[in-house]
Amino acid sequence: MARSQETFNKKQREKDRARKKKEKLEKREERKSEGGGIEIDWSSAPENLTMSENERNQQADNKKASN
C-alpha cells in the first residue's frame, strides 16, 4: 500500500514540476515579446566629475569622432 502512495506522490511532484516549468517558460516568452526594457535618458544622467583632464580630453575626442 505504501508503495502506491509513494508512486502517486512522485507523479504529482513531476506534474507540478512540469506545470511550473511550462508557466515559467510562458512568462519568459511573454517578457521577450513585450520588447521593452528600460530606456535610459543619458542626457539627464549626472556627469562624472571625478575624471582627470586626460580622461575628459579623451571623452571629448570620442564625441567628436562619433559625430
PDB file of N, CA and C in Angstrom:
ATOM      1  N   MET A   1       0.821  -1.185   0.000  1.00  0.00           N
ATOM      2  CA  MET A   1       0.000   0.000   0.000  1.00  0.00           C
ATOM      3  C   MET A   1       0.877   1.266   0.000  1.00  0.00           C
ATOM      4  N   ALA A   2       1.938   1.254   0.760  1.00  0.00           N
ATOM      5  CA  ALA A   2       2.793   2.423   0.857  1.00  0.00           C
ATOM      6  C   ALA A   2       3.461   2.738  -0.472  1.00  0.00           C
ATOM      7  N   ARG A   3       3.776   1.708  -1.223  1.00  0.00           N
ATOM      8  CA  ARG A   3       4.446   1.948  -2.495  1.00  0.00           C
ATOM      9  C   ARG A   3       3.556   2.706  -3.455  1.00  0.00           C
ATOM     10  N   SER A   4       2.303   2.376  -3.510  1.00  0.00           N
ATOM     11  CA  SER A   4       1.418   3.058  -4.451  1.00  0.00           C
ATOM     12  C   SER A   4       1.276   4.540  -4.075  1.00  0.00           C
ATOM     13  N   GLN A   5       1.247   4.847  -2.762  1.00  0.00           N
ATOM     14  CA  GLN A   5       1.173   6.251  -2.328  1.00  0.00           C
ATOM     15  C   GLN A   5       2.460   6.980  -2.705  1.00  0.00           C
ATOM     16  N   GLU A   6       3.592   6.304  -2.552  1.00  0.00           N
ATOM     17  CA  GLU A   6       4.869   6.904  -2.955  1.00  0.00           C
ATOM     18  C   GLU A   6       4.863   7.217  -4.444  1.00  0.00           C
ATOM     19  N   THR A   7       4.400   6.266  -5.224  1.00  0.00           N
ATOM     20  CA  THR A   7       4.357   6.446  -6.673  1.00  0.00           C
ATOM     21  C   THR A   7       3.432   7.587  -7.040  1.00  0.00           C
ATOM     22  N   PHE A   8       2.282   7.648  -6.380  1.00  0.00           N
ATOM     23  CA  PHE A   8       1.330   8.724  -6.648  1.00  0.00           C
ATOM     24  C   PHE A   8       1.949  10.077  -6.335  1.00  0.00           C
ATOM     25  N   ASN A   9       2.595  10.183  -5.179  1.00  0.00           N
ATOM     26  CA  ASN A   9       3.241  11.448  -4.787  1.00  0.00           C
ATOM     27  C   ASN A   9       4.333  11.841  -5.766  1.00  0.00           C
ATOM     28  N   LYS A  10       5.098  10.857  -6.202  1.00  0.00           N
ATOM     29  CA  LYS A  10       6.175  11.134  -7.153  1.00  0.00           C
ATOM     30  C   LYS A  10       5.594  11.673  -8.451  1.00  0.00           C
ATOM     31  N   LYS A  11       4.528  11.042  -8.939  1.00  0.00           N
ATOM     32  CA  LYS A  11       3.904  11.508 -10.181  1.00  0.00           C
ATOM     33  C   LYS A  11       3.322  12.899 -10.016  1.00  0.00           C
ATOM     34  N   GLN A  12       2.744  13.175  -8.839  1.00  0.00           N
ATOM     35  CA  GLN A  12       2.197  14.513  -8.580  1.00  0.00           C
ATOM     36  C   GLN A  12       3.316  15.558  -8.596  1.00  0.00           C
ATOM     37  N   ARG A  13       4.456  15.236  -7.964  1.00  0.00           N
ATOM     38  CA  ARG A  13       5.585  16.174  -7.967  1.00  0.00           C
ATOM     39  C   ARG A  13       6.072  16.425  -9.379  1.00  0.00           C
ATOM     40  N   GLU A  14       6.158  15.359 -10.177  1.00  0.00           N
ATOM     41  CA  GLU A  14       6.605  15.508 -11.567  1.00  0.00           C
ATOM     42  C   GLU A  14       5.632  16.375 -12.349  1.00  0.00           C
ATOM     43  N   LYS A  15       4.328  16.186 -12.137  1.00  0.00           N
ATOM     44  CA  LYS A  15       3.329  17.008 -12.822  1.00  0.00           C
ATOM     45  C   LYS A  15       3.473  18.471 -12.411  1.00  0.00           C
ATOM     46  N   ASP A  16       3.634  18.693 -11.102  1.00  0.00           N
ATOM     47  CA  ASP A  16       3.791  20.068 -10.600  1.00  0.00           C
ATOM     48  C   ASP A  16       5.036  20.722 -11.182  1.00  0.00           C
ATOM     49  N   ARG A  17       6.132  19.958 -11.213  1.00  0.00           N
ATOM     50  CA  ARG A  17       7.368  20.480 -11.784  1.00  0.00           C
ATOM     51  C   ARG A  17       7.180  20.854 -13.244  1.00  0.00           C
ATOM     52  N   ALA A  18       6.541  19.981 -14.003  1.00  0.00           N
ATOM     53  CA  ALA A  18       6.321  20.237 -15.422  1.00  0.00           C
ATOM     54  C   ALA A  18       5.423  21.454 -15.615  1.00  0.00           C
ATOM     55  N   ARG A  19       4.388  21.578 -14.768  1.00  0.00           N
ATOM     56  CA  ARG A  19       3.478  22.717 -14.873  1.00  0.00           C
ATOM     57  C   ARG A  19       4.216  24.024 -14.571  1.00  0.00           C
ATOM     58  N   LYS A  20       5.012  24.035 -13.504  1.00  0.00           N
ATOM     59  CA  LYS A  20       5.766  25.237 -13.145  1.00  0.00           C
ATOM     60  C   LYS A  20       6.760  25.608 -14.236  1.00  0.00           C
ATOM     61  N   LYS A  21       7.411  24.600 -14.802  1.00  0.00           N
ATOM     62  CA  LYS A  21       8.383  24.854 -15.860  1.00  0.00           C
ATOM     63  C   LYS A  21       7.698  25.471 -17.075  1.00  0.00           C
ATOM     64  N   LYS A  22       6.519  24.945 -17.415  1.00  0.00           N
ATOM     65  CA  LYS A  22       5.762  25.474 -18.547  1.00  0.00           C
ATOM     66  C   LYS A  22       5.330  26.917 -18.284  1.00  0.00           C
ATOM     67  N   GLU A  23       4.839  27.192 -17.075  1.00  0.00           N
ATOM     68  CA  GLU A  23       4.427  28.554 -16.729  1.00  0.00           C
ATOM     69  C   GLU A  23       5.609  29.510 -16.784  1.00  0.00           C
ATOM     70  N   LYS A  24       6.741  29.070 -16.288  1.00  0.00           N
ATOM     71  CA  LYS A  24       7.940  29.909 -16.290  1.00  0.00           C
ATOM     72  C   LYS A  24       8.371  30.227 -17.720  1.00  0.00           C
ATOM     73  N   LEU A  25       8.310  29.214 -18.587  1.00  0.00           N
ATOM     74  CA  LEU A  25       8.667  29.419 -19.983  1.00  0.00           C
ATOM     75  C   LEU A  25       7.704  30.390 -20.659  1.00  0.00           C
ATOM     76  N   GLU A  26       6.414  30.255 -20.354  1.00  0.00           N
ATOM     77  CA  GLU A  26       5.420  31.171 -20.923  1.00  0.00           C
ATOM     78  C   GLU A  26       5.663  32.603 -20.466  1.00  0.00           C
ATOM     79  N   LYS A  27       5.986  32.785 -19.184  1.00  0.00           N
ATOM     80  CA  LYS A  27       6.275  34.124 -18.672  1.00  0.00           C
ATOM     81  C   LYS A  27       7.492  34.717 -19.365  1.00  0.00           C
ATOM     82  N   ARG A  28       8.520  33.878 -19.552  1.00  0.00           N
ATOM     83  CA  ARG A  28       9.737  34.343 -20.216  1.00  0.00           C
ATOM     84  C   ARG A  28       9.433  34.790 -21.636  1.00  0.00           C
ATOM     85  N   GLU A  29       8.656  33.983 -22.356  1.00  0.00           N
ATOM     86  CA  GLU A  29       8.292  34.334 -23.732  1.00  0.00           C
ATOM     87  C   GLU A  29       7.462  35.608 -23.762  1.00  0.00           C
ATOM     88  N   GLU A  30       6.585  35.775 -22.789  1.00  0.00           N
ATOM     89  CA  GLU A  30       5.758  36.977 -22.718  1.00  0.00           C
ATOM     90  C   GLU A  30       6.627  38.211 -22.517  1.00  0.00           C
ATOM     91  N   ARG A  31       7.615  38.103 -21.624  1.00  0.00           N
ATOM     92  CA  ARG A  31       8.514  39.241 -21.391  1.00  0.00           C
ATOM     93  C   ARG A  31       9.325  39.559 -22.637  1.00  0.00           C
ATOM     94  N   LYS A  32       9.751  38.507 -23.358  1.00  0.00           N
ATOM     95  CA  LYS A  32      10.517  38.736 -24.588  1.00  0.00           C
ATOM     96  C   LYS A  32       9.673  39.452 -25.620  1.00  0.00           C
ATOM     97  N   SER A  33       8.415  39.047 -25.748  1.00  0.00           N
ATOM     98  CA  SER A  33       7.555  39.623 -26.783  1.00  0.00           C
ATOM     99  C   SER A  33       7.158  41.061 -26.472  1.00  0.00           C
ATOM    100  N   GLU A  34       7.209  41.433 -25.181  1.00  0.00           N
ATOM    101  CA  GLU A  34       6.882  42.812 -24.818  1.00  0.00           C
ATOM    102  C   GLU A  34       7.915  43.781 -25.377  1.00  0.00           C
ATOM    103  N   GLY A  35       9.068  43.279 -25.698  1.00  0.00           N
ATOM    104  CA  GLY A  35      10.083  44.122 -26.314  1.00  0.00           C
ATOM    105  C   GLY A  35      10.862  44.884 -25.275  1.00  0.00           C
ATOM    106  N   GLY A  36      10.358  45.920 -24.849  1.00  0.00           N
ATOM    107  CA  GLY A  36      10.827  46.887 -23.902  1.00  0.00           C
ATOM    108  C   GLY A  36      12.138  46.697 -23.202  1.00  0.00           C
ATOM    109  N   GLY A  37      12.085  46.888 -22.003  1.00  0.00           N
ATOM    110  CA  GLY A  37      13.262  47.093 -21.204  1.00  0.00           C
ATOM    111  C   GLY A  37      13.271  48.575 -20.899  1.00  0.00           C
ATOM    112  N   ILE A  38      14.078  48.958 -20.026  1.00  0.00           N
ATOM    113  CA  ILE A  38      14.105  50.365 -19.630  1.00  0.00           C
ATOM    114  C   ILE A  38      15.076  51.114 -20.535  1.00  0.00           C
ATOM    115  N   GLU A  39      14.611  52.209 -21.065  1.00  0.00           N
ATOM    116  CA  GLU A  39      15.498  53.057 -21.862  1.00  0.00           C
ATOM    117  C   GLU A  39      15.995  54.183 -20.973  1.00  0.00           C
ATOM    118  N   ILE A  40      17.272  54.422 -21.022  1.00  0.00           N
ATOM    119  CA  ILE A  40      17.884  55.435 -20.171  1.00  0.00           C
ATOM    120  C   ILE A  40      18.043  56.722 -20.957  1.00  0.00           C
ATOM    121  N   ASP A  41      17.620  57.809 -20.354  1.00  0.00           N
ATOM    122  CA  ASP A  41      17.812  59.124 -20.955  1.00  0.00           C
ATOM    123  C   ASP A  41      19.175  59.635 -20.498  1.00  0.00           C
ATOM    124  N   TRP A  42      20.181  59.396 -21.311  1.00  0.00           N
ATOM    125  CA  TRP A  42      21.549  59.733 -20.914  1.00  0.00           C
ATOM    126  C   TRP A  42      21.775  61.231 -20.795  1.00  0.00           C
ATOM    127  N   SER A  43      20.962  62.033 -21.475  1.00  0.00           N
ATOM    128  CA  SER A  43      21.158  63.478 -21.391  1.00  0.00           C
ATOM    129  C   SER A  43      20.818  64.005 -19.996  1.00  0.00           C
ATOM    130  N   SER A  44      19.946  63.317 -19.272  1.00  0.00           N
ATOM    131  CA  SER A  44      19.589  63.783 -17.933  1.00  0.00           C
ATOM    132  C   SER A  44      20.393  63.073 -16.841  1.00  0.00           C
ATOM    133  N   ALA A  45      21.281  62.163 -17.222  1.00  0.00           N
ATOM    134  CA  ALA A  45      22.100  61.459 -16.244  1.00  0.00           C
ATOM    135  C   ALA A  45      23.166  62.397 -15.690  1.00  0.00           C
ATOM    136  N   PRO A  46      23.542  62.235 -14.439  1.00  0.00           N
ATOM    137  CA  PRO A  46      24.566  63.123 -13.873  1.00  0.00           C
ATOM    138  C   PRO A  46      25.930  62.862 -14.512  1.00  0.00           C
ATOM    139  N   GLU A  47      26.716  63.919 -14.572  1.00  0.00           N
ATOM    140  CA  GLU A  47      28.044  63.784 -15.160  1.00  0.00           C
ATOM    141  C   GLU A  47      29.031  63.256 -14.124  1.00  0.00           C
ATOM    142  N   ASN A  48      30.052  62.586 -14.611  1.00  0.00           N
ATOM    143  CA  ASN A  48      31.109  62.096 -13.741  1.00  0.00           C
ATOM    144  C   ASN A  48      32.117  63.227 -13.557  1.00  0.00           C
ATOM    145  N   LEU A  49      32.136  63.824 -12.382  1.00  0.00           N
ATOM    146  CA  LEU A  49      33.019  64.960 -12.128  1.00  0.00           C
ATOM    147  C   LEU A  49      34.366  64.531 -11.551  1.00  0.00           C
ATOM    148  N   THR A  50      34.622  63.238 -11.507  1.00  0.00           N
ATOM    149  CA  THR A  50      35.871  62.752 -10.930  1.00  0.00           C
ATOM    150  C   THR A  50      36.893  62.379 -11.996  1.00  0.00           C
ATOM    151  N   MET A  51      36.612  62.690 -13.245  1.00  0.00           N
ATOM    152  CA  MET A  51      37.533  62.323 -14.316  1.00  0.00           C
ATOM    153  C   MET A  51      38.740  63.248 -14.333  1.00  0.00           C
ATOM    154  N   SER A  52      39.863  62.699 -14.742  1.00  0.00           N
ATOM    155  CA  SER A  52      41.073  63.501 -14.854  1.00  0.00           C
ATOM    156  C   SER A  52      41.012  64.312 -16.149  1.00  0.00           C
ATOM    157  N   GLU A  53      41.937  65.212 -16.308  1.00  0.00           N
ATOM    158  CA  GLU A  53      41.979  66.061 -17.508  1.00  0.00           C
ATOM    159  C   GLU A  53      42.160  65.210 -18.763  1.00  0.00           C
ATOM    160  N   ASN A  54      43.040  64.198 -18.676  1.00  0.00           N
ATOM    161  CA  ASN A  54      43.264  63.314 -19.827  1.00  0.00           C
ATOM    162  C   ASN A  54      41.989  62.577 -20.214  1.00  0.00           C
ATOM    163  N   GLU A  55      41.262  62.088 -19.205  1.00  0.00           N
ATOM    164  CA  GLU A  55      40.021  61.359 -19.479  1.00  0.00           C
ATOM    165  C   GLU A  55      38.982  62.279 -20.121  1.00  0.00           C
ATOM    166  N   ARG A  56      38.892  63.525 -19.646  1.00  0.00           N
ATOM    167  CA  ARG A  56      37.946  64.482 -20.243  1.00  0.00           C
ATOM    168  C   ARG A  56      38.314  64.773 -21.693  1.00  0.00           C
ATOM    169  N   ASN A  57      39.615  64.926 -21.964  1.00  0.00           N
ATOM    170  CA  ASN A  57      40.057  65.171 -23.342  1.00  0.00           C
ATOM    171  C   ASN A  57      39.744  63.978 -24.232  1.00  0.00           C
ATOM    172  N   GLN A  58      39.978  62.796 -23.712  1.00  0.00           N
ATOM    173  CA  GLN A  58      39.695  61.586 -24.473  1.00  0.00           C
ATOM    174  C   GLN A  58      38.189  61.463 -24.751  1.00  0.00           C
ATOM    175  N   GLN A  59      37.381  61.804 -23.769  1.00  0.00           N
ATOM    176  CA  GLN A  59      35.926  61.750 -23.947  1.00  0.00           C
ATOM    177  C   GLN A  59      35.492  62.760 -25.008  1.00  0.00           C
ATOM    178  N   ALA A  60      36.064  63.948 -24.977  1.00  0.00           N
ATOM    179  CA  ALA A  60      35.738  64.967 -25.962  1.00  0.00           C
ATOM    180  C   ALA A  60      36.145  64.508 -27.373  1.00  0.00           C
ATOM    181  N   ASP A  61      37.323  63.891 -27.473  1.00  0.00           N
ATOM    182  CA  ASP A  61      37.779  63.362 -28.765  1.00  0.00           C
ATOM    183  C   ASP A  61      36.843  62.280 -29.281  1.00  0.00           C
ATOM    184  N   ASN A  62      36.389  61.418 -28.390  1.00  0.00           N
ATOM    185  CA  ASN A  62      35.460  60.362 -28.775  1.00  0.00           C
ATOM    186  C   ASN A  62      34.141  60.938 -29.262  1.00  0.00           C
ATOM    187  N   LYS A  63      33.647  61.982 -28.599  1.00  0.00           N
ATOM    188  CA  LYS A  63      32.396  62.620 -29.012  1.00  0.00           C
ATOM    189  C   LYS A  63      32.566  63.246 -30.410  1.00  0.00           C
ATOM    190  N   LYS A  64      33.720  63.882 -30.650  1.00  0.00           N
ATOM    191  CA  LYS A  64      33.986  64.489 -31.951  1.00  0.00           C
ATOM    192  C   LYS A  64      34.033  63.423 -33.043  1.00  0.00           C
ATOM    193  N   ALA A  65      34.673  62.317 -32.721  1.00  0.00           N
ATOM    194  CA  ALA A  65      34.823  61.243 -33.715  1.00  0.00           C
ATOM    195  C   ALA A  65      33.484  60.585 -34.037  1.00  0.00           C
ATOM    196  N   SER A  66      32.614  60.482 -33.051  1.00  0.00           N
ATOM    197  CA  SER A  66      31.327  59.817 -33.298  1.00  0.00           C
ATOM    198  C   SER A  66      30.340  60.745 -34.005  1.00  0.00           C
ATOM    199  N   ASN A  67      30.556  62.040 -33.926  1.00  0.00           N
ATOM    200  CA  ASN A  67      29.641  62.989 -34.604  1.00  0.00           C
ATOM    201  C   ASN A  67      30.168  63.311 -35.940  1.00  0.00           C
TER     202      ASN A  67
END
